[in-house]
Amino acid sequence: MIDQLLQTLGQEIQKFFDTPIVRVGLEAIGFYIVLLWAATAYWAYRDLQTRTTNPVAPYLAAALIIIFTPVLFLFGVVVYRILRPRETVAEANERALAEEAMMVEIEAQPHCANCGRQVHEDWIICPTCRNRLRRVCPNCSRLVELDWSLCAWCGKDFERPEVLQEVLVAPPKGRPTRVQEPPDYEDLPATGAPVPQISSSSIDTRVTEVTPRPATGEH
């Protein structure tokens, strides 16, 4: 009884699949699965091309999908999604450019020349290592750089460091100073002009000429 029932059921199922409509439908479903399998392999190939610069890796990704056959290729897709790189080459390049731009921006900010810490542009002394960063102009009280020879805001001329060093350094002790003596007239070169000489007779004549006035006795 059961055998006859199973035999009858098998014959009915066979008749159902033997009908032209069902046969065309099954063939269409099979063709669609094979087409989806091949399209998935091509998708894996194209997807990995955008995620790596290795020319062999995209072919290996397509081969992975094909190996799993049209029946199990969905498992191959799961394995590929696990193994593929997280970001594309364009995304990696964009991230590298963003990081480089960030590093350039950080390096453009002022840093202490001694300890390398980031400092503010209005600071005079580094709070970390106490390194002198800038100085204040004595004329306009604006911040100026240490190597400026004059103030860019008011034009105040600063003394150069080498001049200050020459002024502040005292002469060595114990070195005798040379005192310049007055010139000796005997050593002076002759100019050719005669030197006037005063004789004793002229002196006597001048003395006799100047005689005191006698007293008259008048009061």
C-alpha atoms as a PDB file:
ATOM      1  CA  MET A   1       0.000   0.000   0.000  1.00  0.00           C
ATOM      2  CA  ILE A   2       2.767   2.431   0.972  1.00  0.00           C
ATOM      3  CA  ASP A   3       4.957   1.319  -1.930  1.00  0.00           C
ATOM      4  CA  GLN A   4       2.166   1.920  -4.391  1.00  0.00           C
ATOM      5  CA  LEU A   5       1.553   5.356  -2.861  1.00  0.00           C
ATOM      6  CA  LEU A   6       5.212   6.359  -3.125  1.00  0.00           C
ATOM      7  CA  GLN A   7       5.391   5.038  -6.673  1.00  0.00           C
ATOM      8  CA  THR A   8       2.335   7.015  -7.656  1.00  0.00           C
ATOM      9  CA  LEU A   9       3.740  10.172  -6.028  1.00  0.00           C
ATOM     10  CA  GLY A  10       7.020   9.746  -7.926  1.00  0.00           C
ATOM     11  CA  GLN A  11       5.231   9.381 -11.204  1.00  0.00           C
ATOM     12  CA  GLU A  12       3.236  12.534 -10.580  1.00  0.00           C
ATOM     13  CA  ILE A  13       6.368  14.488  -9.720  1.00  0.00           C
ATOM     14  CA  GLN A  14       8.084  13.229 -12.821  1.00  0.00           C
ATOM     15  CA  LYS A  15       5.131  14.206 -14.958  1.00  0.00           C
ATOM     16  CA  PHE A  16       5.243  17.691 -13.376  1.00  0.00           C
ATOM     17  CA  PHE A  17       8.909  18.220 -14.216  1.00  0.00           C
ATOM     18  CA  ASP A  18       8.416  16.760 -17.686  1.00  0.00           C
ATOM     19  CA  THR A  19       5.981  19.457 -18.640  1.00  0.00           C
ATOM     20  CA  PRO A  20       7.510  22.039 -21.047  1.00  0.00           C
ATOM     21  CA  ILE A  21       6.737  25.044 -18.856  1.00  0.00           C
ATOM     22  CA  VAL A  22       8.422  23.631 -15.770  1.00  0.00           C
ATOM     23  CA  ARG A  23      11.400  22.454 -17.796  1.00  0.00           C
ATOM     24  CA  VAL A  24      11.895  25.923 -19.314  1.00  0.00           C
ATOM     25  CA  GLY A  25      11.576  27.479 -15.879  1.00  0.00           C
ATOM     26  CA  LEU A  26      14.193  25.193 -14.372  1.00  0.00           C
ATOM     27  CA  GLU A  27      16.551  25.873 -17.248  1.00  0.00           C
ATOM     28  CA  ALA A  28      16.066  29.603 -16.785  1.00  0.00           C
ATOM     29  CA  ILE A  29      16.776  29.313 -13.048  1.00  0.00           C
ATOM     30  CA  GLY A  30      19.946  27.311 -13.723  1.00  0.00           C
ATOM     31  CA  PHE A  31      21.104  29.806 -16.310  1.00  0.00           C
ATOM     32  CA  TYR A  32      20.457  32.664 -13.869  1.00  0.00           C
ATOM     33  CA  ILE A  33      22.484  30.955 -11.123  1.00  0.00           C
ATOM     34  CA  VAL A  34      25.410  30.361 -13.481  1.00  0.00           C
ATOM     35  CA  LEU A  35      25.224  33.940 -14.707  1.00  0.00           C
ATOM     36  CA  LEU A  36      25.146  35.212 -11.118  1.00  0.00           C
ATOM     37  CA  TRP A  37      28.140  33.013 -10.285  1.00  0.00           C
ATOM     38  CA  ALA A  38      30.175  34.441 -13.188  1.00  0.00           C
ATOM     39  CA  ALA A  39      29.077  37.985 -12.385  1.00  0.00           C
ATOM     40  CA  THR A  40      30.132  37.535  -8.763  1.00  0.00           C
ATOM     41  CA  ALA A  41      33.584  36.372  -9.881  1.00  0.00           C
ATOM     42  CA  TYR A  42      33.895  39.423 -12.142  1.00  0.00           C
ATOM     43  CA  TRP A  43      32.736  41.689  -9.299  1.00  0.00           C
ATOM     44  CA  ALA A  44      35.408  40.267  -7.007  1.00  0.00           C
ATOM     45  CA  TYR A  45      37.992  40.877  -9.745  1.00  0.00           C
ATOM     46  CA  ARG A  46      36.941  44.509 -10.261  1.00  0.00           C
ATOM     47  CA  ASP A  47      36.515  45.215  -6.556  1.00  0.00           C
ATOM     48  CA  LEU A  48      39.995  44.027  -5.655  1.00  0.00           C
ATOM     49  CA  GLN A  49      41.490  46.102  -8.460  1.00  0.00           C
ATOM     50  CA  THR A  50      40.327  49.229  -6.642  1.00  0.00           C
ATOM     51  CA  ARG A  51      41.690  48.002  -3.303  1.00  0.00           C
ATOM     52  CA  THR A  52      45.213  46.890  -4.157  1.00  0.00           C
ATOM     53  CA  THR A  53      48.047  47.707  -6.540  1.00  0.00           C
ATOM     54  CA  ASN A  54      49.048  44.058  -6.893  1.00  0.00           C
ATOM     55  CA  PRO A  55      48.221  42.951 -10.472  1.00  0.00           C
ATOM     56  CA  VAL A  56      47.810  39.250  -9.516  1.00  0.00           C
ATOM     57  CA  ALA A  57      45.469  39.634  -6.537  1.00  0.00           C
ATOM     58  CA  PRO A  58      42.288  40.419  -8.586  1.00  0.00           C
ATOM     59  CA  TYR A  59      42.682  37.195 -10.565  1.00  0.00           C
ATOM     60  CA  LEU A  60      43.039  35.222  -7.352  1.00  0.00           C
ATOM     61  CA  ALA A  61      39.832  36.775  -6.009  1.00  0.00           C
ATOM     62  CA  ALA A  62      37.910  35.738  -9.136  1.00  0.00           C
ATOM     63  CA  ALA A  63      39.377  32.236  -8.941  1.00  0.00           C
ATOM     64  CA  LEU A  64      38.226  31.964  -5.318  1.00  0.00           C
ATOM     65  CA  ILE A  65      34.601  32.550  -6.367  1.00  0.00           C
ATOM     66  CA  ILE A  66      34.842  30.127  -9.273  1.00  0.00           C
ATOM     67  CA  ILE A  67      36.314  27.356  -7.109  1.00  0.00           C
ATOM     68  CA  PHE A  68      33.208  27.344  -4.912  1.00  0.00           C
ATOM     69  CA  THR A  69      31.074  26.320  -7.957  1.00  0.00           C
ATOM     70  CA  PRO A  70      27.672  27.807  -8.809  1.00  0.00           C
ATOM     71  CA  VAL A  71      26.086  26.000  -5.879  1.00  0.00           C
ATOM     72  CA  LEU A  72      28.380  27.275  -3.080  1.00  0.00           C
ATOM     73  CA  PHE A  73      29.748  30.490  -4.557  1.00  0.00           C
ATOM     74  CA  LEU A  74      27.906  32.512  -1.898  1.00  0.00           C
ATOM     75  CA  PHE A  75      30.301  31.055   0.678  1.00  0.00           C
ATOM     76  CA  GLY A  76      33.153  32.218  -1.550  1.00  0.00           C
ATOM     77  CA  VAL A  77      31.709  35.738  -1.451  1.00  0.00           C
ATOM     78  CA  VAL A  78      31.669  35.618   2.355  1.00  0.00           C
ATOM     79  CA  VAL A  79      35.308  34.490   2.447  1.00  0.00           C
ATOM     80  CA  TYR A  80      36.297  37.204  -0.016  1.00  0.00           C
ATOM     81  CA  ARG A  81      34.543  39.925   2.023  1.00  0.00           C
ATOM     82  CA  ILE A  82      36.522  38.812   5.067  1.00  0.00           C
ATOM     83  CA  LEU A  83      39.916  38.759   3.310  1.00  0.00           C
ATOM     84  CA  ARG A  84      39.685  41.853   1.107  1.00  0.00           C
ATOM     85  CA  PRO A  85      41.328  45.163   2.188  1.00  0.00           C
ATOM     86  CA  ARG A  86      39.129  47.470   4.208  1.00  0.00           C
ATOM     87  CA  GLU A  87      39.652  50.629   2.102  1.00  0.00           C
ATOM     88  CA  THR A  88      40.244  51.311  -1.552  1.00  0.00           C
ATOM     89  CA  VAL A  89      43.423  52.738  -3.040  1.00  0.00           C
ATOM     90  CA  ALA A  90      41.722  56.111  -3.545  1.00  0.00           C
ATOM     91  CA  GLU A  91      40.574  56.177   0.064  1.00  0.00           C
ATOM     92  CA  ALA A  92      44.063  55.250   1.252  1.00  0.00           C
ATOM     93  CA  ASN A  93      45.608  58.020  -0.854  1.00  0.00           C
ATOM     94  CA  GLU A  94      43.053  60.529   0.411  1.00  0.00           C
ATOM     95  CA  ARG A  95      43.747  59.530   4.005  1.00  0.00           C
ATOM     96  CA  ALA A  96      47.514  59.829   3.430  1.00  0.00           C
ATOM     97  CA  LEU A  97      47.067  63.294   1.928  1.00  0.00           C
ATOM     98  CA  ALA A  98      44.892  64.351   4.859  1.00  0.00           C
ATOM     99  CA  GLU A  99      47.495  63.102   7.346  1.00  0.00           C
ATOM    100  CA  GLU A 100      50.268  64.864   5.423  1.00  0.00           C
ATOM    101  CA  ALA A 101      48.299  68.115   5.379  1.00  0.00           C
ATOM    102  CA  MET A 102      47.695  67.767   9.092  1.00  0.00           C
ATOM    103  CA  MET A 103      51.417  67.212   9.721  1.00  0.00           C
ATOM    104  CA  VAL A 104      52.287  70.274   7.620  1.00  0.00           C
ATOM    105  CA  GLU A 105      49.790  72.342   9.586  1.00  0.00           C
ATOM    106  CA  ILE A 106      51.247  71.120  12.875  1.00  0.00           C
ATOM    107  CA  GLU A 107      54.801  71.853  11.732  1.00  0.00           C
ATOM    108  CA  ALA A 108      53.749  75.336  10.593  1.00  0.00           C
ATOM    109  CA  GLN A 109      52.709  76.192  14.121  1.00  0.00           C
ATOM    110  CA  PRO A 110      55.469  77.772  16.285  1.00  0.00           C
ATOM    111  CA  HIS A 111      57.614  75.378  18.300  1.00  0.00           C
ATOM    112  CA  CYS A 112      60.309  75.892  20.870  1.00  0.00           C
ATOM    113  CA  ALA A 113      63.766  75.599  19.328  1.00  0.00           C
ATOM    114  CA  ASN A 114      65.126  73.943  22.472  1.00  0.00           C
ATOM    115  CA  CYS A 115      62.562  71.317  23.534  1.00  0.00           C
ATOM    116  CA  GLY A 116      60.396  71.147  20.382  1.00  0.00           C
ATOM    117  CA  ARG A 117      57.127  71.693  22.274  1.00  0.00           C
ATOM    118  CA  GLN A 118      54.355  73.695  20.650  1.00  0.00           C
ATOM    119  CA  VAL A 119      54.256  77.272  21.901  1.00  0.00           C
ATOM    120  CA  HIS A 120      51.928  80.224  21.409  1.00  0.00           C
ATOM    121  CA  GLU A 121      52.936  83.021  19.082  1.00  0.00           C
ATOM    122  CA  ASP A 122      52.485  85.595  21.891  1.00  0.00           C
ATOM    123  CA  TRP A 123      54.738  83.831  24.390  1.00  0.00           C
ATOM    124  CA  ILE A 124      58.113  85.281  25.376  1.00  0.00           C
ATOM    125  CA  ILE A 125      59.538  82.297  27.277  1.00  0.00           C
ATOM    126  CA  CYS A 126      58.857  78.572  26.785  1.00  0.00           C
ATOM    127  CA  PRO A 127      57.011  77.305  29.886  1.00  0.00           C
ATOM    128  CA  THR A 128      58.543  73.841  29.510  1.00  0.00           C
ATOM    129  CA  CYS A 129      62.284  74.518  29.240  1.00  0.00           C
ATOM    130  CA  ARG A 130      62.336  78.290  29.974  1.00  0.00           C
ATOM    131  CA  ASN A 131      63.983  79.008  26.649  1.00  0.00           C
ATOM    132  CA  ARG A 132      63.845  82.629  25.477  1.00  0.00           C
ATOM    133  CA  LEU A 133      61.506  82.857  22.485  1.00  0.00           C
ATOM    134  CA  ARG A 134      61.067  86.584  21.801  1.00  0.00           C
ATOM    135  CA  ARG A 135      61.786  89.947  23.330  1.00  0.00           C
ATOM    136  CA  VAL A 136      59.844  93.156  23.858  1.00  0.00           C
ATOM    137  CA  CYS A 137      60.708  96.289  21.923  1.00  0.00           C
ATOM    138  CA  PRO A 138      61.670  99.026  24.417  1.00  0.00           C
ATOM    139  CA  ASN A 139      60.062 101.664  22.204  1.00  0.00           C
ATOM    140  CA  CYS A 140      56.627 100.296  21.242  1.00  0.00           C
ATOM    141  CA  SER A 141      56.390  97.267  23.597  1.00  0.00           C
ATOM    142  CA  ARG A 142      55.619  94.916  20.700  1.00  0.00           C
ATOM    143  CA  LEU A 143      57.029  91.388  20.510  1.00  0.00           C
ATOM    144  CA  VAL A 144      59.999  91.051  18.176  1.00  0.00           C
ATOM    145  CA  GLU A 145      62.208  88.133  17.231  1.00  0.00           C
ATOM    146  CA  LEU A 146      65.564  87.636  18.861  1.00  0.00           C
ATOM    147  CA  ASP A 147      67.529  87.919  15.617  1.00  0.00           C
ATOM    148  CA  TRP A 148      65.921  91.163  14.422  1.00  0.00           C
ATOM    149  CA  SER A 149      68.287  94.133  14.187  1.00  0.00           C
ATOM    150  CA  LEU A 150      65.404  96.614  14.337  1.00  0.00           C
ATOM    151  CA  CYS A 151      61.734  96.638  15.261  1.00  0.00           C
ATOM    152  CA  ALA A 152      59.416  95.990  12.323  1.00  0.00           C
ATOM    153  CA  TRP A 153      56.595  97.933  14.025  1.00  0.00           C
ATOM    154  CA  CYS A 154      58.224 101.209  15.046  1.00  0.00           C
ATOM    155  CA  GLY A 155      61.661 101.078  13.366  1.00  0.00           C
ATOM    156  CA  LYS A 156      63.622 101.073  16.621  1.00  0.00           C
ATOM    157  CA  ASP A 157      67.244 100.199  15.804  1.00  0.00           C
ATOM    158  CA  PHE A 158      68.630  97.564  18.157  1.00  0.00           C
ATOM    159  CA  GLU A 159      72.300  97.194  18.970  1.00  0.00           C
ATOM    160  CA  ARG A 160      73.776  94.141  17.376  1.00  0.00           C
ATOM    161  CA  PRO A 161      75.018  91.363  19.659  1.00  0.00           C
ATOM    162  CA  GLU A 162      78.605  91.629  18.435  1.00  0.00           C
ATOM    163  CA  VAL A 163      78.705  95.359  19.201  1.00  0.00           C
ATOM    164  CA  LEU A 164      77.349  94.730  22.675  1.00  0.00           C
ATOM    165  CA  GLN A 165      80.015  92.115  23.248  1.00  0.00           C
ATOM    166  CA  GLU A 166      82.780  94.505  22.268  1.00  0.00           C
ATOM    167  CA  VAL A 167      81.400  97.191  24.578  1.00  0.00           C
ATOM    168  CA  LEU A 168      80.760  94.966  27.577  1.00  0.00           C
ATOM    169  CA  VAL A 169      84.043  93.045  27.482  1.00  0.00           C
ATOM    170  CA  ALA A 170      86.663  94.940  29.607  1.00  0.00           C
ATOM    171  CA  PRO A 171      90.314  95.188  28.490  1.00  0.00           C
ATOM    172  CA  PRO A 172      92.675  92.646  30.066  1.00  0.00           C
ATOM    173  CA  LYS A 173      94.230  93.612  33.391  1.00  0.00           C
ATOM    174  CA  GLY A 174      97.971  94.176  33.807  1.00  0.00           C
ATOM    175  CA  ARG A 175      98.489  95.527  30.305  1.00  0.00           C
ATOM    176  CA  PRO A 176     100.403  98.858  30.459  1.00  0.00           C
ATOM    177  CA  THR A 177      98.772 101.803  28.817  1.00  0.00           C
ATOM    178  CA  ARG A 178     100.929 104.019  26.684  1.00  0.00           C
ATOM    179  CA  VAL A 179     100.758 107.660  27.614  1.00  0.00           C
ATOM    180  CA  GLN A 180     101.490 109.977  24.734  1.00  0.00           C
ATOM    181  CA  GLU A 181     104.140 112.516  25.660  1.00  0.00           C
ATOM    182  CA  PRO A 182     104.105 116.018  24.270  1.00  0.00           C
ATOM    183  CA  PRO A 183     106.340 116.447  21.252  1.00  0.00           C
ATOM    184  CA  ASP A 184     109.853 117.806  21.717  1.00  0.00           C
ATOM    185  CA  TYR A 185     110.365 120.974  19.776  1.00  0.00           C
ATOM    186  CA  GLU A 186     113.913 119.991  18.990  1.00  0.00           C
ATOM    187  CA  ASP A 187     112.687 116.951  17.147  1.00  0.00           C
ATOM    188  CA  LEU A 188     110.237 118.904  15.015  1.00  0.00           C
ATOM    189  CA  PRO A 189     111.254 119.243  11.379  1.00  0.00           C
ATOM    190  CA  ALA A 190     112.512 122.606  10.298  1.00  0.00           C
ATOM    191  CA  THR A 191     110.139 124.649   8.267  1.00  0.00           C
ATOM    192  CA  GLY A 192     112.766 127.026   6.842  1.00  0.00           C
ATOM    193  CA  ALA A 193     111.508 130.101   8.719  1.00  0.00           C
ATOM    194  CA  PRO A 194     114.142 131.939  10.836  1.00  0.00           C
ATOM    195  CA  VAL A 195     113.711 131.843  14.573  1.00  0.00           C
ATOM    196  CA  PRO A 196     113.823 135.347  16.077  1.00  0.00           C
ATOM    197  CA  GLN A 197     116.501 135.812  18.710  1.00  0.00           C
ATOM    198  CA  ILE A 198     116.466 138.464  21.442  1.00  0.00           C
ATOM    199  CA  SER A 199     119.813 140.021  22.292  1.00  0.00           C
ATOM    200  CA  SER A 200     120.894 141.470  25.645  1.00  0.00           C
ATOM    201  CA  SER A 201     121.248 144.984  24.209  1.00  0.00           C
ATOM    202  CA  SER A 202     117.659 145.086  23.126  1.00  0.00           C
ATOM    203  CA  ILE A 203     116.608 143.988  26.560  1.00  0.00           C
ATOM    204  CA  ASP A 204     118.667 146.794  28.198  1.00  0.00           C
ATOM    205  CA  THR A 205     117.252 149.352  25.802  1.00  0.00           C
ATOM    206  CA  ARG A 206     113.704 148.342  26.637  1.00  0.00           C
ATOM    207  CA  VAL A 207     114.520 148.545  30.329  1.00  0.00           C
ATOM    208  CA  THR A 208     116.009 152.029  30.111  1.00  0.00           C
ATOM    209  CA  GLU A 209     113.123 153.271  28.096  1.00  0.00           C
ATOM    210  CA  VAL A 210     110.662 152.329  30.797  1.00  0.00           C
ATOM    211  CA  THR A 211     111.771 154.480  33.787  1.00  0.00           C
ATOM    212  CA  PRO A 212     109.702 155.281  36.800  1.00  0.00           C
ATOM    213  CA  ARG A 213     108.336 158.853  37.177  1.00  0.00           C
ATOM    214  CA  PRO A 214     109.992 160.744  40.027  1.00  0.00           C
ATOM    215  CA  ALA A 215     107.910 161.702  42.992  1.00  0.00           C
ATOM    216  CA  THR A 216     106.980 165.413  43.106  1.00  0.00           C
ATOM    217  CA  GLY A 217     106.093 165.429  46.723  1.00  0.00           C
ATOM    218  CA  GLU A 218     102.724 166.979  46.050  1.00  0.00           C
ATOM    219  CA  HIS A 219      99.906 165.581  47.882  1.00  0.00           C
END
